[in-house]
PDB file of all heavy atoms in Angstrom:
ATOM      1  N   PRO A   1     201.488 178.027  29.270  1.00  0.00           N
ATOM      2  CA  PRO A   1     202.504 177.030  29.628  1.00  0.00           C
ATOM      3  C   PRO A   1     202.245 176.471  31.028  1.00  0.00           C
ATOM      4  O   PRO A   1     202.549 175.236  31.316  1.00  0.00           O
ATOM      5  CB  PRO A   1     203.731 177.862  29.604  1.00  0.00           C
ATOM      6  CG  PRO A   1     203.366 179.247  29.654  1.00  0.00           C
ATOM      7  CD  PRO A   1     202.034 179.350  29.011  1.00  0.00           C
ATOM      8  N   VAL A   2     201.519 177.191  31.935  1.00  0.00           N
ATOM      9  CA  VAL A   2     201.216 176.538  33.279  1.00  0.00           C
ATOM     10  C   VAL A   2     200.167 175.450  33.140  1.00  0.00           C
ATOM     11  O   VAL A   2     200.312 174.420  33.639  1.00  0.00           O
ATOM     12  CB  VAL A   2     200.709 177.665  34.211  1.00  0.00           C
ATOM     13  CG1 VAL A   2     200.273 177.044  35.600  1.00  0.00           C
ATOM     14  CG2 VAL A   2     201.812 178.710  34.507  1.00  0.00           C
ATOM     15  N   GLN A   3     199.207 175.668  32.283  1.00  0.00           N
ATOM     16  CA  GLN A   3     198.257 174.848  32.101  1.00  0.00           C
ATOM     17  C   GLN A   3     198.555 173.642  31.444  1.00  0.00           C
ATOM     18  O   GLN A   3     198.180 172.450  31.891  1.00  0.00           O
ATOM     19  CB  GLN A   3     197.049 175.502  31.313  1.00  0.00           C
ATOM     20  CG  GLN A   3     195.726 174.615  31.139  1.00  0.00           C
ATOM     21  CD  GLN A   3     195.044 174.482  32.518  1.00  0.00           C
ATOM     22  OE1 GLN A   3     194.971 175.394  33.263  1.00  0.00           O
ATOM     23  NE2 GLN A   3     194.458 173.269  32.702  1.00  0.00           N
ATOM     24  N   PHE A   4     199.289 173.784  30.329  1.00  0.00           N
ATOM     25  CA  PHE A   4     199.577 172.444  29.480  1.00  0.00           C
ATOM     26  C   PHE A   4     200.908 171.965  29.384  1.00  0.00           C
ATOM     27  O   PHE A   4     201.194 170.810  29.115  1.00  0.00           O
ATOM     28  CB  PHE A   4     199.106 172.827  27.954  1.00  0.00           C
ATOM     29  CG  PHE A   4     197.722 173.104  27.877  1.00  0.00           C
ATOM     30  CD1 PHE A   4     197.263 174.421  27.556  1.00  0.00           C
ATOM     31  CD2 PHE A   4     196.721 172.124  27.988  1.00  0.00           C
ATOM     32  CE1 PHE A   4     195.943 174.674  27.411  1.00  0.00           C
ATOM     33  CE2 PHE A   4     195.456 172.434  27.958  1.00  0.00           C
ATOM     34  CZ  PHE A   4     194.988 173.694  27.522  1.00  0.00           C
ATOM     35  N   TYR A   5     201.913 172.721  29.963  1.00  0.00           N
ATOM     36  CA  TYR A   5     203.314 172.196  30.196  1.00  0.00           C
ATOM     37  C   TYR A   5     203.536 171.802  31.535  1.00  0.00           C
ATOM     38  O   TYR A   5     203.816 170.694  31.834  1.00  0.00           O
ATOM     39  CB  TYR A   5     204.316 173.207  29.617  1.00  0.00           C
ATOM     40  CG  TYR A   5     205.812 172.797  29.910  1.00  0.00           C
ATOM     41  CD1 TYR A   5     206.292 171.805  29.310  1.00  0.00           C
ATOM     42  CD2 TYR A   5     206.370 173.470  30.876  1.00  0.00           C
ATOM     43  CE1 TYR A   5     207.594 171.344  29.562  1.00  0.00           C
ATOM     44  CE2 TYR A   5     207.750 173.025  31.201  1.00  0.00           C
ATOM     45  CZ  TYR A   5     208.277 171.961  30.572  1.00  0.00           C
ATOM     46  OH  TYR A   5     209.682 171.532  30.811  1.00  0.00           O
ATOM     47  N   ILE A   6     203.425 172.674  32.414  1.00  0.00           N
ATOM     48  CA  ILE A   6     203.648 172.360  33.805  1.00  0.00           C
ATOM     49  C   ILE A   6     202.475 171.453  34.363  1.00  0.00           C
ATOM     50  O   ILE A   6     202.749 170.548  35.227  1.00  0.00           O
ATOM     51  CB  ILE A   6     203.748 173.721  34.696  1.00  0.00           C
ATOM     52  CG1 ILE A   6     204.981 174.469  34.216  1.00  0.00           C
ATOM     53  CG2 ILE A   6     203.874 173.294  36.137  1.00  0.00           C
ATOM     54  CD1 ILE A   6     205.105 175.836  34.722  1.00  0.00           C
ATOM     55  N   GLY A   7     201.329 171.716  33.834  1.00  0.00           N
ATOM     56  CA  GLY A   7     200.154 170.970  34.451  1.00  0.00           C
ATOM     57  C   GLY A   7     200.037 169.635  33.777  1.00  0.00           C
ATOM     58  O   GLY A   7     198.934 169.028  33.968  1.00  0.00           O
ATOM     59  N   ARG A   8     200.774 169.228  32.772  1.00  0.00           N
ATOM     60  CA  ARG A   8     200.696 167.930  31.988  1.00  0.00           C
ATOM     61  C   ARG A   8     200.545 166.758  32.787  1.00  0.00           C
ATOM     62  O   ARG A   8     199.788 165.810  32.436  1.00  0.00           O
ATOM     63  CB  ARG A   8     201.765 167.937  30.882  1.00  0.00           C
ATOM     64  CG  ARG A   8     203.127 167.616  31.528  1.00  0.00           C
ATOM     65  CD  ARG A   8     204.268 167.723  30.466  1.00  0.00           C
ATOM     66  NE  ARG A   8     205.525 167.423  31.057  1.00  0.00           N
ATOM     67  CZ  ARG A   8     206.266 168.321  31.771  1.00  0.00           C
ATOM     68  NH1 ARG A   8     205.686 169.488  32.145  1.00  0.00           N
ATOM     69  NH2 ARG A   8     207.404 167.869  32.213  1.00  0.00           N
ATOM     70  N   ARG A   9     201.178 166.766  33.914  1.00  0.00           N
ATOM     71  CA  ARG A   9     201.147 165.625  34.825  1.00  0.00           C
ATOM     72  C   ARG A   9     199.744 165.214  35.252  1.00  0.00           C
ATOM     73  O   ARG A   9     199.374 164.048  35.485  1.00  0.00           O
ATOM     74  CB  ARG A   9     202.057 165.786  36.058  1.00  0.00           C
ATOM     75  CG  ARG A   9     201.588 166.954  36.923  1.00  0.00           C
ATOM     76  CD  ARG A   9     202.350 167.075  38.206  1.00  0.00           C
ATOM     77  NE  ARG A   9     203.824 167.478  37.911  1.00  0.00           N
ATOM     78  CZ  ARG A   9     204.900 166.793  38.312  1.00  0.00           C
ATOM     79  NH1 ARG A   9     204.732 165.745  39.147  1.00  0.00           N
ATOM     80  NH2 ARG A   9     206.040 167.167  38.041  1.00  0.00           N
ATOM     81  N   PHE A  10     198.881 166.299  35.461  1.00  0.00           N
ATOM     82  CA  PHE A  10     197.570 166.060  35.865  1.00  0.00           C
ATOM     83  C   PHE A  10     196.637 165.459  34.765  1.00  0.00           C
ATOM     84  O   PHE A  10     195.877 164.564  35.083  1.00  0.00           O
ATOM     85  CB  PHE A  10     196.957 167.331  36.421  1.00  0.00           C
ATOM     86  CG  PHE A  10     197.673 168.009  37.389  1.00  0.00           C
ATOM     87  CD1 PHE A  10     198.378 169.263  37.223  1.00  0.00           C
ATOM     88  CD2 PHE A  10     197.705 167.501  38.762  1.00  0.00           C
ATOM     89  CE1 PHE A  10     199.012 169.873  38.235  1.00  0.00           C
ATOM     90  CE2 PHE A  10     198.448 168.173  39.801  1.00  0.00           C
ATOM     91  CZ  PHE A  10     199.034 169.230  39.549  1.00  0.00           C
ATOM     92  N   TYR A  11     196.914 165.847  33.601  1.00  0.00           N
ATOM     93  CA  TYR A  11     196.164 165.276  32.518  1.00  0.00           C
ATOM     94  C   TYR A  11     196.538 163.809  32.234  1.00  0.00           C
ATOM     95  O   TYR A  11     195.729 163.012  32.095  1.00  0.00           O
ATOM     96  CB  TYR A  11     196.431 166.113  31.159  1.00  0.00           C
ATOM     97  CG  TYR A  11     195.871 167.436  31.208  1.00  0.00           C
ATOM     98  CD1 TYR A  11     196.553 168.614  31.326  1.00  0.00           C
ATOM     99  CD2 TYR A  11     194.493 167.634  30.963  1.00  0.00           C
ATOM    100  CE1 TYR A  11     195.818 169.820  31.510  1.00  0.00           C
ATOM    101  CE2 TYR A  11     193.780 168.788  30.900  1.00  0.00           C
ATOM    102  CZ  TYR A  11     194.574 169.928  31.119  1.00  0.00           C
ATOM    103  OH  TYR A  11     194.028 171.192  31.167  1.00  0.00           O
ATOM    104  N   ARG A  12     197.868 163.564  32.342  1.00  0.00           N
ATOM    105  CA  ARG A  12     198.316 162.182  32.050  1.00  0.00           C
ATOM    106  C   ARG A  12     197.787 161.231  33.159  1.00  0.00           C
ATOM    107  O   ARG A  12     197.219 160.237  32.802  1.00  0.00           O
ATOM    108  CB  ARG A  12     199.893 162.135  32.117  1.00  0.00           C
ATOM    109  CG  ARG A  12     200.591 162.639  30.896  1.00  0.00           C
ATOM    110  CD  ARG A  12     201.966 161.943  30.935  1.00  0.00           C
ATOM    111  NE  ARG A  12     202.802 162.477  31.941  1.00  0.00           N
ATOM    112  CZ  ARG A  12     203.572 163.310  31.983  1.00  0.00           C
ATOM    113  NH1 ARG A  12     203.927 164.132  30.969  1.00  0.00           N
ATOM    114  NH2 ARG A  12     204.383 163.673  33.062  1.00  0.00           N
ATOM    115  N   THR A  13     197.960 161.657  34.435  1.00  0.00           N
ATOM    116  CA  THR A  13     197.374 160.695  35.469  1.00  0.00           C
ATOM    117  C   THR A  13     195.817 160.568  35.350  1.00  0.00           C
ATOM    118  O   THR A  13     195.369 159.545  35.643  1.00  0.00           O
ATOM    119  CB  THR A  13     197.857 161.158  36.833  1.00  0.00           C
ATOM    120  OG1 THR A  13     199.238 161.383  36.796  1.00  0.00           O
ATOM    121  CG2 THR A  13     197.435 160.278  37.893  1.00  0.00           C
ATOM    122  N   ALA A  14     195.172 161.740  35.167  1.00  0.00           N
ATOM    123  CA  ALA A  14     193.746 161.664  35.087  1.00  0.00           C
ATOM    124  C   ALA A  14     193.247 160.785  33.950  1.00  0.00           C
ATOM    125  O   ALA A  14     192.358 160.065  34.173  1.00  0.00           O
ATOM    126  CB  ALA A  14     193.232 163.171  34.883  1.00  0.00           C
ATOM    127  N   TRP A  15     193.992 160.694  32.836  1.00  0.00           N
ATOM    128  CA  TRP A  15     193.517 159.944  31.746  1.00  0.00           C
ATOM    129  C   TRP A  15     193.751 158.445  32.058  1.00  0.00           C
ATOM    130  O   TRP A  15     192.922 157.592  31.919  1.00  0.00           O
ATOM    131  CB  TRP A  15     194.294 160.232  30.585  1.00  0.00           C
ATOM    132  CG  TRP A  15     194.132 159.348  29.346  1.00  0.00           C
ATOM    133  CD1 TRP A  15     195.082 158.443  28.755  1.00  0.00           C
ATOM    134  CD2 TRP A  15     192.892 159.065  28.585  1.00  0.00           C
ATOM    135  NE1 TRP A  15     194.581 157.731  27.746  1.00  0.00           N
ATOM    136  CE2 TRP A  15     193.215 158.066  27.608  1.00  0.00           C
ATOM    137  CE3 TRP A  15     191.626 159.507  28.719  1.00  0.00           C
ATOM    138  CZ2 TRP A  15     192.183 157.640  26.666  1.00  0.00           C
ATOM    139  CZ3 TRP A  15     190.717 159.129  27.868  1.00  0.00           C
ATOM    140  CH2 TRP A  15     190.956 158.197  26.805  1.00  0.00           C
ATOM    141  N   LYS A  16     194.794 158.120  32.755  1.00  0.00           N
ATOM    142  CA  LYS A  16     195.226 156.716  33.095  1.00  0.00           C
ATOM    143  C   LYS A  16     194.116 156.222  34.113  1.00  0.00           C
ATOM    144  O   LYS A  16     193.593 155.069  34.037  1.00  0.00           O
ATOM    145  CB  LYS A  16     196.554 156.637  33.770  1.00  0.00           C
ATOM    146  CG  LYS A  16     197.669 156.774  32.791  1.00  0.00           C
ATOM    147  CD  LYS A  16     199.055 156.639  33.472  1.00  0.00           C
ATOM    148  CE  LYS A  16     200.212 156.856  32.460  1.00  0.00           C
ATOM    149  NZ  LYS A  16     201.480 156.738  33.097  1.00  0.00           N
ATOM    150  N   THR A  17     193.861 157.098  35.102  1.00  0.00           N
ATOM    151  CA  THR A  17     192.896 156.685  36.147  1.00  0.00           C
ATOM    152  C   THR A  17     191.539 156.542  35.686  1.00  0.00           C
ATOM    153  O   THR A  17     190.710 155.641  36.094  1.00  0.00           O
ATOM    154  CB  THR A  17     192.983 157.500  37.322  1.00  0.00           C
ATOM    155  OG1 THR A  17     192.714 158.884  37.003  1.00  0.00           O
ATOM    156  CG2 THR A  17     194.277 157.421  38.131  1.00  0.00           C
ATOM    157  N   LEU A  18     191.093 157.508  34.729  1.00  0.00           N
ATOM    158  CA  LEU A  18     189.863 157.316  34.269  1.00  0.00           C
ATOM    159  C   LEU A  18     189.617 155.979  33.385  1.00  0.00           C
ATOM    160  O   LEU A  18     188.506 155.429  33.311  1.00  0.00           O
ATOM    161  CB  LEU A  18     189.605 158.577  33.329  1.00  0.00           C
ATOM    162  CG  LEU A  18     189.126 159.943  34.055  1.00  0.00           C
ATOM    163  CD1 LEU A  18     189.104 161.047  32.953  1.00  0.00           C
ATOM    164  CD2 LEU A  18     187.697 159.740  34.704  1.00  0.00           C
ATOM    165  N   LYS A  19     190.697 155.780  32.620  1.00  0.00           N
ATOM    166  CA  LYS A  19     190.633 154.510  31.722  1.00  0.00           C
ATOM    167  C   LYS A  19     190.479 153.281  32.706  1.00  0.00           C
ATOM    168  O   LYS A  19     189.737 152.353  32.247  1.00  0.00           O
ATOM    169  CB  LYS A  19     191.866 154.332  30.882  1.00  0.00           C
ATOM    170  CG  LYS A  19     191.886 155.178  29.616  1.00  0.00           C
ATOM    171  CD  LYS A  19     192.842 154.680  28.702  1.00  0.00           C
ATOM    172  CE  LYS A  19     194.371 154.644  29.215  1.00  0.00           C
ATOM    173  NZ  LYS A  19     195.311 154.051  28.229  1.00  0.00           N
ATOM    174  N   ALA A  20     191.084 153.336  33.823  1.00  0.00           N
ATOM    175  CA  ALA A  20     191.014 152.246  34.695  1.00  0.00           C
ATOM    176  C   ALA A  20     189.786 152.134  35.592  1.00  0.00           C
ATOM    177  O   ALA A  20     189.569 151.265  36.320  1.00  0.00           O
ATOM    178  CB  ALA A  20     192.223 152.298  35.726  1.00  0.00           C
ATOM    179  N   GLY A  21     188.986 153.251  35.504  1.00  0.00           N
ATOM    180  CA  GLY A  21     187.819 153.363  36.187  1.00  0.00           C
ATOM    181  C   GLY A  21     187.932 153.736  37.687  1.00  0.00           C
ATOM    182  O   GLY A  21     187.070 153.470  38.493  1.00  0.00           O
ATOM    183  N   ASN A  22     189.205 154.473  37.956  1.00  0.00           N
ATOM    184  CA  ASN A  22     189.521 154.793  39.345  1.00  0.00           C
ATOM    185  C   ASN A  22     189.846 156.180  39.407  1.00  0.00           C
ATOM    186  O   ASN A  22     190.953 156.630  39.632  1.00  0.00           O
ATOM    187  CB  ASN A  22     190.652 153.967  39.817  1.00  0.00           C
ATOM    188  CG  ASN A  22     190.365 152.446  39.936  1.00  0.00           C
ATOM    189  OD1 ASN A  22     189.347 152.009  40.232  1.00  0.00           O
ATOM    190  ND2 ASN A  22     191.400 151.566  39.496  1.00  0.00           N
ATOM    191  N   PRO A  23     188.932 157.261  39.045  1.00  0.00           N
ATOM    192  CA  PRO A  23     189.328 158.569  39.170  1.00  0.00           C
ATOM    193  C   PRO A  23     189.755 159.036  40.388  1.00  0.00           C
ATOM    194  O   PRO A  23     189.114 158.691  41.331  1.00  0.00           O
ATOM    195  CB  PRO A  23     187.904 159.261  38.633  1.00  0.00           C
ATOM    196  CG  PRO A  23     186.902 158.306  38.933  1.00  0.00           C
ATOM    197  CD  PRO A  23     187.433 156.961  38.809  1.00  0.00           C
ATOM    198  N   GLY A  24     190.846 159.909  40.489  1.00  0.00           N
ATOM    199  CA  GLY A  24     191.217 160.421  41.751  1.00  0.00           C
ATOM    200  C   GLY A  24     191.330 161.935  41.680  1.00  0.00           C
ATOM    201  O   GLY A  24     190.653 162.553  40.980  1.00  0.00           O
ATOM    202  N   MET A  25     192.271 162.380  42.553  1.00  0.00           N
ATOM    203  CA  MET A  25     192.471 163.873  42.698  1.00  0.00           C
ATOM    204  C   MET A  25     192.837 164.601  41.486  1.00  0.00           C
ATOM    205  O   MET A  25     192.353 165.744  41.155  1.00  0.00           O
ATOM    206  CB  MET A  25     193.461 164.235  43.795  1.00  0.00           C
ATOM    207  CG  MET A  25     193.636 165.725  44.061  1.00  0.00           C
ATOM    208  SD  MET A  25     195.106 165.996  45.109  1.00  0.00           S
ATOM    209  CE  MET A  25     196.432 165.784  43.998  1.00  0.00           C
ATOM    210  N   ASP A  26     193.700 163.995  40.553  1.00  0.00           N
ATOM    211  CA  ASP A  26     194.144 164.555  39.355  1.00  0.00           C
ATOM    212  C   ASP A  26     193.097 164.867  38.384  1.00  0.00           C
ATOM    213  O   ASP A  26     193.152 165.876  37.632  1.00  0.00           O
ATOM    214  CB  ASP A  26     195.302 163.661  38.770  1.00  0.00           C
ATOM    215  CG  ASP A  26     196.446 163.691  39.638  1.00  0.00           C
ATOM    216  OD1 ASP A  26     197.356 164.584  39.586  1.00  0.00           O
ATOM    217  OD2 ASP A  26     196.618 162.552  40.346  1.00  0.00           O
ATOM    218  N   VAL A  27     192.002 164.073  38.392  1.00  0.00           N
ATOM    219  CA  VAL A  27     190.915 164.315  37.471  1.00  0.00           C
ATOM    220  C   VAL A  27     190.241 165.566  37.885  1.00  0.00           C
ATOM    221  O   VAL A  27     189.888 166.401  37.025  1.00  0.00           O
ATOM    222  CB  VAL A  27     189.899 163.079  37.559  1.00  0.00           C
ATOM    223  CG1 VAL A  27     188.625 163.469  36.793  1.00  0.00           C
ATOM    224  CG2 VAL A  27     190.513 161.722  37.054  1.00  0.00           C
ATOM    225  N   LEU A  28     190.071 165.804  39.267  1.00  0.00           N
ATOM    226  CA  LEU A  28     189.466 167.088  39.644  1.00  0.00           C
ATOM    227  C   LEU A  28     190.264 168.288  39.249  1.00  0.00           C
ATOM    228  O   LEU A  28     189.775 169.362  38.844  1.00  0.00           O
ATOM    229  CB  LEU A  28     189.121 167.062  41.158  1.00  0.00           C
ATOM    230  CG  LEU A  28     188.211 165.935  41.681  1.00  0.00           C
ATOM    231  CD1 LEU A  28     188.129 165.981  43.133  1.00  0.00           C
ATOM    232  CD2 LEU A  28     186.807 166.159  41.149  1.00  0.00           C
ATOM    233  N   VAL A  29     191.611 168.178  39.512  1.00  0.00           N
ATOM    234  CA  VAL A  29     192.513 169.360  39.184  1.00  0.00           C
ATOM    235  C   VAL A  29     192.394 169.575  37.680  1.00  0.00           C
ATOM    236  O   VAL A  29     192.388 170.826  37.336  1.00  0.00           O
ATOM    237  CB  VAL A  29     193.968 168.930  39.592  1.00  0.00           C
ATOM    238  CG1 VAL A  29     194.826 170.002  39.152  1.00  0.00           C
ATOM    239  CG2 VAL A  29     193.958 168.833  41.173  1.00  0.00           C
ATOM    240  N   ALA A  30     192.544 168.518  36.818  1.00  0.00           N
ATOM    241  CA  ALA A  30     192.509 168.645  35.414  1.00  0.00           C
ATOM    242  C   ALA A  30     191.109 169.281  34.894  1.00  0.00           C
ATOM    243  O   ALA A  30     191.101 170.341  34.021  1.00  0.00           O
ATOM    244  CB  ALA A  30     192.676 167.300  34.716  1.00  0.00           C
ATOM    245  N   LEU A  31     189.997 168.863  35.416  1.00  0.00           N
ATOM    246  CA  LEU A  31     188.738 169.451  35.080  1.00  0.00           C
ATOM    247  C   LEU A  31     188.539 170.851  35.603  1.00  0.00           C
ATOM    248  O   LEU A  31     188.082 171.726  34.785  1.00  0.00           O
ATOM    249  CB  LEU A  31     187.615 168.492  35.715  1.00  0.00           C
ATOM    250  CG  LEU A  31     187.221 167.148  35.019  1.00  0.00           C
ATOM    251  CD1 LEU A  31     186.225 166.425  35.842  1.00  0.00           C
ATOM    252  CD2 LEU A  31     186.884 167.452  33.706  1.00  0.00           C
ATOM    253  N   GLY A  32     188.793 171.167  36.807  1.00  0.00           N
ATOM    254  CA  GLY A  32     188.589 172.492  37.321  1.00  0.00           C
ATOM    255  C   GLY A  32     189.504 173.526  36.667  1.00  0.00           C
ATOM    256  O   GLY A  32     188.981 174.562  36.239  1.00  0.00           O
ATOM    257  N   THR A  33     190.772 173.206  36.508  1.00  0.00           N
ATOM    258  CA  THR A  33     191.599 174.227  35.864  1.00  0.00           C
ATOM    259  C   THR A  33     191.331 174.388  34.404  1.00  0.00           C
ATOM    260  O   THR A  33     191.399 175.500  33.744  1.00  0.00           O
ATOM    261  CB  THR A  33     193.073 173.817  36.037  1.00  0.00           C
ATOM    262  OG1 THR A  33     193.368 172.483  35.479  1.00  0.00           O
ATOM    263  CG2 THR A  33     193.548 173.752  37.495  1.00  0.00           C
ATOM    264  N   SER A  34     191.066 173.310  33.688  1.00  0.00           N
ATOM    265  CA  SER A  34     190.638 173.288  32.336  1.00  0.00           C
ATOM    266  C   SER A  34     189.338 174.238  32.129  1.00  0.00           C
ATOM    267  O   SER A  34     189.261 174.933  31.105  1.00  0.00           O
ATOM    268  CB  SER A  34     190.392 171.924  31.682  1.00  0.00           C
ATOM    269  OG  SER A  34     191.547 171.201  31.736  1.00  0.00           O
TER     270      SER A  34
END
């Protein structure tokens, strides 16, 4: 639940910024924790 419920915000923002070609901190958090 920490990874996918509480941490869902990181996946959402990471996906949006990756689609826009502007990866930020949330991409690193999502990749590292995953």
